[in-house]
C-alpha atoms as a PDB file:
ATOM      1  CA  MET A   1       9.615  -5.970  10.631  1.00  0.00           C
ATOM      2  CA  ARG A   2      13.051  -7.648  10.747  1.00  0.00           C
ATOM      3  CA  LEU A   3      14.242 -10.473  13.005  1.00  0.00           C
ATOM      4  CA  THR A   4      17.935 -11.321  13.228  1.00  0.00           C
ATOM      5  CA  PHE A   5      19.626 -14.160  15.128  1.00  0.00           C
ATOM      6  CA  GLY A   6      23.184 -14.705  16.306  1.00  0.00           C
ATOM      7  CA  ASN A   7      23.064 -18.222  14.890  1.00  0.00           C
ATOM      8  CA  ILE A   8      20.664 -20.410  12.943  1.00  0.00           C
ATOM      9  CA  PRO A   9      17.331 -20.644  14.832  1.00  0.00           C
ATOM     10  CA  SER A  10      15.845 -24.019  15.635  1.00  0.00           C
ATOM     11  CA  LEU A  11      13.566 -25.823  13.210  1.00  0.00           C
ATOM     12  CA  GLU A  12      10.579 -25.172  15.489  1.00  0.00           C
ATOM     13  CA  THR A  13      11.335 -21.421  15.549  1.00  0.00           C
ATOM     14  CA  ARG A  14      11.791 -21.275  11.779  1.00  0.00           C
ATOM     15  CA  THR A  15       8.521 -23.133  11.224  1.00  0.00           C
ATOM     16  CA  SER A  16       6.613 -20.799  13.543  1.00  0.00           C
ATOM     17  CA  MET A  17       8.109 -17.723  11.820  1.00  0.00           C
ATOM     18  CA  LYS A  18       7.060 -19.025   8.395  1.00  0.00           C
ATOM     19  CA  GLN A  19       3.538 -19.641   9.694  1.00  0.00           C
ATOM     20  CA  MET A  20       3.425 -16.000  10.853  1.00  0.00           C
ATOM     21  CA  GLY A  21       4.451 -14.797   7.396  1.00  0.00           C
ATOM     22  CA  PHE A  22       8.161 -14.113   7.994  1.00  0.00           C
ATOM     23  CA  ARG A  23      10.534 -14.919   5.128  1.00  0.00           C
ATOM     24  CA  TYR A  24      14.306 -15.186   5.249  1.00  0.00           C
ATOM     25  CA  LYS A  25      16.306 -12.644   3.204  1.00  0.00           C
ATOM     26  CA  PRO A  26      19.787 -14.096   2.582  1.00  0.00           C
ATOM     27  CA  ARG A  27      21.421 -10.806   1.588  1.00  0.00           C
ATOM     28  CA  GLY A  28      20.249  -9.041   4.750  1.00  0.00           C
ATOM     29  CA  LYS A  29      20.617 -12.187   6.879  1.00  0.00           C
ATOM     30  CA  ALA A  30      17.277 -11.433   8.530  1.00  0.00           C
ATOM     31  CA  TRP A  31      13.688 -12.642   8.645  1.00  0.00           C
ATOM     32  CA  SER A  32      11.281  -9.936   7.500  1.00  0.00           C
ATOM     33  CA  ALA A  33       7.533  -9.408   7.178  1.00  0.00           C
ATOM     34  CA  LYS A  34       5.051  -6.566   6.968  1.00  0.00           C
ATOM     35  CA  TRP A  35       4.045  -5.213  10.369  1.00  0.00           C
ATOM     36  CA  THR A  36       0.849  -6.432  12.021  1.00  0.00           C
ATOM     37  CA  VAL A  37      -0.275  -6.529  15.653  1.00  0.00           C
ATOM     38  CA  GLU A  38      -0.055 -10.331  15.684  1.00  0.00           C
ATOM     39  CA  ARG A  39       3.474 -10.345  14.250  1.00  0.00           C
ATOM     40  CA  GLU A  40       4.639  -7.714  16.741  1.00  0.00           C
ATOM     41  CA  LYS A  41       3.292  -9.827  19.599  1.00  0.00           C
ATOM     42  CA  PHE A  42       5.012 -12.899  18.118  1.00  0.00           C
ATOM     43  CA  ALA A  43       8.331 -11.027  17.751  1.00  0.00           C
ATOM     44  CA  LYS A  44       8.150  -9.827  21.348  1.00  0.00           C
ATOM     45  CA  GLY A  45       7.607 -13.417  22.437  1.00  0.00           C
ATOM     46  CA  LEU A  46      10.792 -14.458  20.628  1.00  0.00           C
ATOM     47  CA  ALA A  47      13.026 -11.496  21.467  1.00  0.00           C
ATOM     48  CA  GLY A  48      11.513 -10.227  24.705  1.00  0.00           C
ATOM     49  CA  GLY A  49      11.175  -6.731  23.196  1.00  0.00           C
ATOM     50  CA  ILE A  50      11.379  -4.785  19.938  1.00  0.00           C
ATOM     51  CA  GLY A  51      13.050  -1.560  18.887  1.00  0.00           C
ATOM     52  CA  ILE A  52      12.892   0.913  16.021  1.00  0.00           C
ATOM     53  CA  VAL A  53      15.935   0.762  13.724  1.00  0.00           C
ATOM     54  CA  ASP A  54      16.345   3.407  11.031  1.00  0.00           C
ATOM     55  CA  ILE A  55      17.614   1.416   8.043  1.00  0.00           C
ATOM     56  CA  LYS A  56      18.333   3.562   4.992  1.00  0.00           C
ATOM     57  CA  PRO A  57      18.957   1.393   1.935  1.00  0.00           C
ATOM     58  CA  ASN A  58      21.767   2.354  -0.430  1.00  0.00           C
ATOM     59  CA  TRP A  59      19.640   2.516  -3.591  1.00  0.00           C
ATOM     60  CA  MET A  60      22.563   3.534  -5.808  1.00  0.00           C
ATOM     61  CA  GLN A  61      24.537   0.477  -4.688  1.00  0.00           C
ATOM     62  CA  LYS A  62      21.508  -1.714  -5.381  1.00  0.00           C
ATOM     63  CA  ALA A  63      21.108  -0.127  -8.831  1.00  0.00           C
ATOM     64  CA  THR A  64      24.797  -0.732  -9.629  1.00  0.00           C
ATOM     65  CA  TYR A  65      24.531  -4.370  -8.570  1.00  0.00           C
ATOM     66  CA  ALA A  66      21.358  -4.879 -10.643  1.00  0.00           C
ATOM     67  CA  GLY A  67      23.082  -3.319 -13.675  1.00  0.00           C
ATOM     68  CA  GLN A  68      26.093  -5.602 -13.302  1.00  0.00           C
ATOM     69  CA  MET A  69      23.863  -8.671 -13.034  1.00  0.00           C
ATOM     70  CA  ALA A  70      21.898  -7.563 -16.113  1.00  0.00           C
ATOM     71  CA  GLN A  71      25.113  -7.310 -18.129  1.00  0.00           C
ATOM     72  CA  LYS A  72      26.354 -10.660 -16.831  1.00  0.00           C
ATOM     73  CA  HIS A  73      23.183 -12.551 -17.780  1.00  0.00           C
ATOM     74  CA  GLU A  74      22.894 -10.773 -21.139  1.00  0.00           C
ATOM     75  CA  GLN A  75      26.480 -11.780 -21.951  1.00  0.00           C
ATOM     76  CA  GLU A  76      25.677 -15.358 -20.941  1.00  0.00           C
ATOM     77  CA  SER A  77      22.648 -15.259 -23.244  1.00  0.00           C
ATOM     78  CA  LYS A  78      24.769 -14.050 -26.170  1.00  0.00           C
ATOM     79  CA  GLU A  79      27.345 -16.783 -25.584  1.00  0.00           C
ATOM     80  CA  ARG A  80      24.591 -19.413 -25.515  1.00  0.00           C
ATOM     81  CA  HIS A  81      23.188 -18.060 -28.787  1.00  0.00           C
ATOM     82  CA  GLU A  82      26.638 -18.144 -30.362  1.00  0.00           C
ATOM     83  CA  GLN A  83      27.133 -21.733 -29.251  1.00  0.00           C
ATOM     84  CA  PHE A  84      23.694 -22.569 -30.653  1.00  0.00           C
ATOM     85  CA  ARG A  85      24.670 -21.154 -34.071  1.00  0.00           C
ATOM     86  CA  LYS A  86      27.951 -23.076 -34.131  1.00  0.00           C
ATOM     87  CA  GLU A  87      26.264 -26.391 -33.322  1.00  0.00           C
ATOM     88  CA  LEU A  88      23.482 -25.632 -35.811  1.00  0.00           C
ATOM     89  CA  ASP A  89      26.037 -25.398 -38.632  1.00  0.00           C
ATOM     90  CA  SER A  90      27.584 -28.797 -37.821  1.00  0.00           C
ATOM     91  CA  ILE A  91      24.671 -30.634 -39.517  1.00  0.00           C
ATOM     92  CA  PRO A  92      23.123 -29.426 -42.807  1.00  0.00           C
ATOM     93  CA  PHE A  93      19.884 -27.516 -42.289  1.00  0.00           C
ATOM     94  CA  GLY A  94      16.841 -29.714 -42.857  1.00  0.00           C
ATOM     95  CA  GLN A  95      18.791 -32.962 -42.606  1.00  0.00           C
ATOM     96  CA  PRO A  96      16.309 -35.625 -41.420  1.00  0.00           C
ATOM     97  CA  ILE A  97      17.161 -38.212 -38.793  1.00  0.00           C
ATOM     98  CA  LEU A  98      18.250 -41.372 -40.546  1.00  0.00           C
ATOM     99  CA  VAL A  99      16.474 -44.056 -38.521  1.00  0.00           C
ATOM    100  CA  GLY A 100      18.582 -47.177 -38.195  1.00  0.00           C
ATOM    101  CA  HIS A 101      21.704 -45.412 -39.424  1.00  0.00           C
ATOM    102  CA  TYR A 102      24.790 -45.263 -37.183  1.00  0.00           C
ATOM    103  CA  SER A 103      24.341 -41.417 -37.028  1.00  0.00           C
ATOM    104  CA  GLU A 104      20.808 -41.608 -35.542  1.00  0.00           C
ATOM    105  CA  LYS A 105      21.932 -41.545 -31.893  1.00  0.00           C
ATOM    106  CA  SER A 106      24.376 -38.650 -32.340  1.00  0.00           C
ATOM    107  CA  HIS A 107      21.818 -36.728 -34.434  1.00  0.00           C
ATOM    108  CA  ARG A 108      19.168 -36.960 -31.715  1.00  0.00           C
ATOM    109  CA  ALA A 109      21.724 -35.933 -29.053  1.00  0.00           C
ATOM    110  CA  HIS A 110      22.676 -32.983 -31.259  1.00  0.00           C
ATOM    111  CA  LEU A 111      19.068 -31.799 -31.487  1.00  0.00           C
ATOM    112  CA  LYS A 112      18.689 -32.093 -27.708  1.00  0.00           C
ATOM    113  CA  ARG A 113      21.800 -29.945 -27.228  1.00  0.00           C
ATOM    114  CA  LEU A 114      20.342 -27.331 -29.594  1.00  0.00           C
ATOM    115  CA  ASP A 115      17.080 -27.237 -27.655  1.00  0.00           C
ATOM    116  CA  LYS A 116      18.993 -26.929 -24.379  1.00  0.00           C
ATOM    117  CA  GLN A 117      21.192 -24.113 -25.678  1.00  0.00           C
ATOM    118  CA  MET A 118      18.205 -22.134 -26.952  1.00  0.00           C
ATOM    119  CA  GLU A 119      16.303 -22.727 -23.711  1.00  0.00           C
ATOM    120  CA  MET A 120      19.260 -21.503 -21.610  1.00  0.00           C
ATOM    121  CA  ALA A 121      19.847 -18.497 -23.890  1.00  0.00           C
ATOM    122  CA  THR A 122      16.204 -17.438 -23.574  1.00  0.00           C
ATOM    123  CA  ARG A 123      16.265 -17.978 -19.809  1.00  0.00           C
ATOM    124  CA  GLU A 124      19.399 -15.848 -19.373  1.00  0.00           C
ATOM    125  CA  HIS A 125      17.927 -13.092 -21.552  1.00  0.00           C
ATOM    126  CA  ASN A 126      14.726 -13.014 -19.455  1.00  0.00           C
ATOM    127  CA  ILE A 127      16.760 -12.803 -16.233  1.00  0.00           C
ATOM    128  CA  ALA A 128      18.797  -9.941 -17.737  1.00  0.00           C
ATOM    129  CA  GLU A 129      15.586  -8.050 -18.527  1.00  0.00           C
ATOM    130  CA  LEU A 130      14.352  -8.497 -14.941  1.00  0.00           C
ATOM    131  CA  TYR A 131      17.614  -7.102 -13.572  1.00  0.00           C
ATOM    132  CA  ALA A 132      17.466  -4.199 -16.054  1.00  0.00           C
ATOM    133  CA  GLU A 133      13.971  -3.293 -14.812  1.00  0.00           C
ATOM    134  CA  ARG A 134      15.184  -3.551 -11.225  1.00  0.00           C
ATOM    135  CA  GLU A 135      18.079  -1.221 -12.044  1.00  0.00           C
ATOM    136  CA  LYS A 136      15.612   1.392 -13.325  1.00  0.00           C
ATOM    137  CA  ARG A 137      13.531   1.146 -10.149  1.00  0.00           C
ATOM    138  CA  MET A 138      16.585   1.431  -7.903  1.00  0.00           C
ATOM    139  CA  MET A 139      17.876   4.442  -9.868  1.00  0.00           C
ATOM    140  CA  PHE A 140      14.485   6.108  -9.487  1.00  0.00           C
ATOM    141  CA  LYS A 141      14.611   5.555  -5.731  1.00  0.00           C
ATOM    142  CA  ALA A 142      18.227   6.746  -5.564  1.00  0.00           C
ATOM    143  CA  LYS A 143      17.187  10.085  -7.097  1.00  0.00           C
ATOM    144  CA  GLY A 144      14.533  10.437  -4.393  1.00  0.00           C
ATOM    145  CA  GLU A 145      10.763  10.221  -4.498  1.00  0.00           C
ATOM    146  CA  SER A 146       8.812  13.169  -5.833  1.00  0.00           C
ATOM    147  CA  ALA A 147       6.874  15.441  -3.491  1.00  0.00           C
ATOM    148  CA  GLY A 148       3.626  14.490  -5.247  1.00  0.00           C
ATOM    149  CA  LEU A 149       4.121  10.791  -4.603  1.00  0.00           C
ATOM    150  CA  ILE A 150       4.824  11.344  -0.902  1.00  0.00           C
ATOM    151  CA  TYR A 151       1.901  13.798  -0.699  1.00  0.00           C
ATOM    152  CA  ARG A 152      -0.549  11.193  -2.024  1.00  0.00           C
ATOM    153  CA  ARG A 153       0.860   8.585   0.358  1.00  0.00           C
ATOM    154  CA  ILE A 154       0.348  10.984   3.272  1.00  0.00           C
ATOM    155  CA  GLU A 155      -3.267  11.498   2.216  1.00  0.00           C
ATOM    156  CA  LYS A 156      -3.871   7.737   2.302  1.00  0.00           C
ATOM    157  CA  LEU A 157      -2.261   7.450   5.733  1.00  0.00           C
ATOM    158  CA  GLU A 158      -4.360  10.355   7.037  1.00  0.00           C
ATOM    159  CA  THR A 159      -7.479   8.566   5.806  1.00  0.00           C
ATOM    160  CA  GLU A 160      -6.283   5.409   7.563  1.00  0.00           C
ATOM    161  CA  GLU A 161      -5.625   7.388  10.765  1.00  0.00           C
ATOM    162  CA  ARG A 162      -9.176   8.777  10.751  1.00  0.00           C
ATOM    163  CA  LYS A 163     -10.522   5.261  10.202  1.00  0.00           C
ATOM    164  CA  TRP A 164      -8.736   3.892  13.274  1.00  0.00           C
ATOM    165  CA  LEU A 165      -9.850   6.862  15.380  1.00  0.00           C
ATOM    166  CA  ARG A 166     -13.464   6.070  14.462  1.00  0.00           C
ATOM    167  CA  GLU A 167     -12.895   2.364  15.124  1.00  0.00           C
ATOM    168  CA  ILE A 168     -11.502   3.083  18.589  1.00  0.00           C
ATOM    169  CA  LYS A 169     -14.516   5.214  19.519  1.00  0.00           C
ATOM    170  CA  LEU A 170     -16.927   2.485  18.393  1.00  0.00           C
ATOM    171  CA  LEU A 171     -14.970  -0.248  20.180  1.00  0.00           C
ATOM    172  CA  GLU A 172     -14.750   1.739  23.406  1.00  0.00           C
ATOM    173  CA  PHE A 173     -18.496   2.386  23.231  1.00  0.00           C
ATOM    174  CA  ALA A 174     -19.163  -1.318  22.661  1.00  0.00           C
ATOM    175  CA  GLU A 175     -16.940  -2.273  25.613  1.00  0.00           C
ATOM    176  CA  LYS A 176     -18.589   0.227  27.972  1.00  0.00           C
ATOM    177  CA  HIS A 177     -22.178  -0.284  26.787  1.00  0.00           C
ATOM    178  CA  PRO A 178     -22.442  -3.816  25.335  1.00  0.00           C
ATOM    179  CA  GLU A 179     -26.269  -3.902  25.462  1.00  0.00           C
ATOM    180  CA  LYS A 180     -26.647  -0.607  23.588  1.00  0.00           C
ATOM    181  CA  ALA A 181     -24.006  -1.679  21.084  1.00  0.00           C
ATOM    182  CA  GLN A 182     -25.867  -4.925  20.446  1.00  0.00           C
ATOM    183  CA  LYS A 183     -29.110  -3.015  19.811  1.00  0.00           C
ATOM    184  CA  LEU A 184     -27.302  -0.680  17.419  1.00  0.00           C
ATOM    185  CA  GLY A 185     -25.731  -3.634  15.591  1.00  0.00           C
ATOM    186  CA  ILE A 186     -22.144  -2.831  16.616  1.00  0.00           C
ATOM    187  CA  ARG A 187     -20.271  -6.135  16.721  1.00  0.00           C
ATOM    188  CA  PRO A 188     -16.535  -5.663  17.411  1.00  0.00           C
ATOM    189  CA  ASP A 189     -14.247  -8.079  15.568  1.00  0.00           C
ATOM    190  CA  TYR A 190     -11.237  -7.284  17.777  1.00  0.00           C
ATOM    191  CA  PRO A 191     -10.480  -5.454  21.074  1.00  0.00           C
ATOM    192  CA  SER A 192      -9.858  -1.703  21.182  1.00  0.00           C
ATOM    193  CA  GLU A 193      -6.237  -2.359  22.207  1.00  0.00           C
ATOM    194  CA  THR A 194      -5.563  -3.862  18.768  1.00  0.00           C
ATOM    195  CA  ALA A 195      -7.054  -0.788  17.077  1.00  0.00           C
ATOM    196  CA  ARG A 196      -4.878   1.487  19.236  1.00  0.00           C
ATOM    197  CA  LYS A 197      -1.741  -0.369  18.143  1.00  0.00           C
ATOM    198  CA  TRP A 198      -2.754   0.030  14.507  1.00  0.00           C
ATOM    199  CA  LEU A 199      -3.348   3.751  15.152  1.00  0.00           C
ATOM    200  CA  ILE A 200       0.113   4.153  16.719  1.00  0.00           C
ATOM    201  CA  HIS A 201       1.689   2.298  13.787  1.00  0.00           C
ATOM    202  CA  THR A 202      -0.121   4.523  11.276  1.00  0.00           C
ATOM    203  CA  GLN A 203       0.892   7.681  13.121  1.00  0.00           C
ATOM    204  CA  GLU A 204       4.537   6.563  13.173  1.00  0.00           C
ATOM    205  CA  ARG A 205       4.429   6.027   9.412  1.00  0.00           C
ATOM    206  CA  LEU A 206       2.792   9.447   9.003  1.00  0.00           C
ATOM    207  CA  ALA A 207       5.581  11.125  10.959  1.00  0.00           C
ATOM    208  CA  ILE A 208       8.214   9.521   8.708  1.00  0.00           C
ATOM    209  CA  GLU A 209       6.383  10.472   5.506  1.00  0.00           C
ATOM    210  CA  ARG A 210       5.774  14.062   6.662  1.00  0.00           C
ATOM    211  CA  GLU A 211       9.475  14.489   7.419  1.00  0.00           C
ATOM    212  CA  ALA A 212      10.372  13.107   3.968  1.00  0.00           C
ATOM    213  CA  TYR A 213       7.779  15.427   2.389  1.00  0.00           C
ATOM    214  CA  LYS A 214       9.203  18.404   4.243  1.00  0.00           C
ATOM    215  CA  GLN A 215      12.678  17.684   2.853  1.00  0.00           C
ATOM    216  CA  THR A 216      11.373  17.723  -0.747  1.00  0.00           C
ATOM    217  CA  GLY A 217      10.042  21.262  -0.368  1.00  0.00           C
ATOM    218  CA  GLY A 218       6.414  20.295  -0.999  1.00  0.00           C
ATOM    219  CA  ILE A 219       4.221  20.301  -4.110  1.00  0.00           C
ATOM    220  CA  PRO A 220       3.977  23.425  -6.336  1.00  0.00           C
ATOM    221  CA  MET A 221       0.272  23.855  -5.524  1.00  0.00           C
ATOM    222  CA  GLU A 222       1.117  24.826  -1.933  1.00  0.00           C
ATOM    223  CA  THR A 223       3.113  27.868  -3.076  1.00  0.00           C
ATOM    224  CA  MET A 224       0.761  28.851  -5.910  1.00  0.00           C
ATOM    225  CA  ASN A 225      -2.127  31.237  -5.394  1.00  0.00           C
ATOM    226  CA  VAL A 226      -4.537  29.344  -7.626  1.00  0.00           C
ATOM    227  CA  LYS A 227      -8.144  30.488  -7.946  1.00  0.00           C
ATOM    228  CA  SER A 228     -11.095  29.901 -10.259  1.00  0.00           C
ATOM    229  CA  GLY A 229     -10.431  31.052 -13.819  1.00  0.00           C
ATOM    230  CA  ASP A 230      -6.644  30.540 -13.703  1.00  0.00           C
ATOM    231  CA  VAL A 231      -4.929  28.469 -16.372  1.00  0.00           C
ATOM    232  CA  VAL A 232      -2.538  25.843 -15.006  1.00  0.00           C
ATOM    233  CA  THR A 233      -0.337  23.056 -16.315  1.00  0.00           C
ATOM    234  CA  THR A 234      -1.315  19.577 -15.137  1.00  0.00           C
ATOM    235  CA  SER A 235       0.050  16.097 -15.639  1.00  0.00           C
ATOM    236  CA  PHE A 236      -2.438  15.775 -18.539  1.00  0.00           C
ATOM    237  CA  GLY A 237      -1.932  19.165 -20.230  1.00  0.00           C
ATOM    238  CA  MET A 238      -3.139  22.774 -19.965  1.00  0.00           C
ATOM    239  CA  ALA A 239      -6.401  23.297 -18.105  1.00  0.00           C
ATOM    240  CA  LYS A 240      -8.625  26.027 -16.697  1.00  0.00           C
ATOM    241  CA  VAL A 241      -9.389  25.949 -12.975  1.00  0.00           C
ATOM    242  CA  LEU A 242     -13.127  25.775 -12.244  1.00  0.00           C
ATOM    243  CA  ARG A 243     -12.944  25.260  -8.491  1.00  0.00           C
ATOM    244  CA  VAL A 244     -10.313  24.839  -5.786  1.00  0.00           C
ATOM    245  CA  ASN A 245     -11.393  22.229  -3.233  1.00  0.00           C
ATOM    246  CA  PRO A 246      -9.713  21.357   0.099  1.00  0.00           C
ATOM    247  CA  LYS A 247      -7.900  18.317  -1.344  1.00  0.00           C
ATOM    248  CA  THR A 248      -8.518  18.538  -5.100  1.00  0.00           C
ATOM    249  CA  VAL A 249      -8.835  20.990  -7.975  1.00  0.00           C
ATOM    250  CA  THR A 250     -11.659  20.829 -10.529  1.00  0.00           C
ATOM    251  CA  VAL A 251     -10.338  21.748 -13.976  1.00  0.00           C
ATOM    252  CA  GLU A 252     -11.565  21.947 -17.565  1.00  0.00           C
ATOM    253  CA  PHE A 253      -9.032  20.926 -20.201  1.00  0.00           C
ATOM    254  CA  LEU A 254      -8.476  23.408 -23.006  1.00  0.00           C
ATOM    255  CA  ASN A 255      -8.811  22.637 -26.728  1.00  0.00           C
ATOM    256  CA  LEU A 256     -10.704  19.408 -26.075  1.00  0.00           C
ATOM    257  CA  GLN A 257     -14.115  18.662 -27.519  1.00  0.00           C
ATOM    258  CA  PRO A 258     -16.446  17.595 -26.047  1.00  0.00           C
ATOM    259  CA  ARG A 259     -15.916  19.469 -22.761  1.00  0.00           C
ATOM    260  CA  TRP A 260     -13.648  17.439 -20.490  1.00  0.00           C
ATOM    261  CA  VAL A 261     -13.828  18.223 -16.769  1.00  0.00           C
ATOM    262  CA  LEU A 262     -11.826  16.362 -14.139  1.00  0.00           C
ATOM    263  CA  LYS A 263     -11.283  16.605 -10.408  1.00  0.00           C
ATOM    264  CA  LEU A 264      -7.505  16.256  -9.913  1.00  0.00           C
ATOM    265  CA  ASP A 265      -5.392  15.727  -6.839  1.00  0.00           C
ATOM    266  CA  LYS A 266      -3.463  18.887  -5.967  1.00  0.00           C
ATOM    267  CA  SER A 267      -0.194  17.065  -6.542  1.00  0.00           C
ATOM    268  CA  LYS A 268      -1.129  16.824 -10.254  1.00  0.00           C
ATOM    269  CA  ILE A 269      -1.027  20.630 -10.621  1.00  0.00           C
ATOM    270  CA  LYS A 270       2.465  21.572 -11.770  1.00  0.00           C
ATOM    271  CA  ARG A 271       2.497  25.337 -12.367  1.00  0.00           C
ATOM    272  CA  GLY A 272       0.440  28.286 -13.477  1.00  0.00           C
END
């Protein structure tokens, strides 16, 4: 969820948004948080209504920016290291501090500068590594997610959809027959309306993921006529198919002793 304002909101509004879990994103100039029923109700109270906005991030632009920042901080780290080496050579290595000598004060200040330079160099190098990792993630997203990844996400959302359908039935039963529900030990933690909103939210996410999955062309398993006894390539190596299940495939890996049998998700089957 994203909340944007024409100007800076009042302190009271900002405090209430933080309490609801919203955090300000300076680059997007918006307050964002993961969707929940409570946050949607809160957002409607602030804005008077909400709408669906299709925001497609420019992952390549984000990857380019992360790469530039990685180079910038790595260069800063190198310059700090170079400055550290220059200052290190100004006093002979191993020279002790001469207590009481006129050089004591400058010697101690010199050591503090060395510590500071090394600390800053290490800090800049760590920041550069973080940006380099971010660049890899953004490049991966720019290339597009694999069909297998989306397929597994759809499976989780379908499981979540079935859960909310069951919850709604139980909650409706408890609302219509409270005495019977009490005898059966059904104690609703929230009203059925809340469960319906979660169901709608899950179904909206499912629709988006199914469209993305459709654009990838699907996983190889859907176009393969795999049956028991076939040899297939998996994410873990060559294997023999023992059984094809509705959502998984039971395989035995070849050339492995002792016998190694696994039940794999269909997205893990690459080709025959």
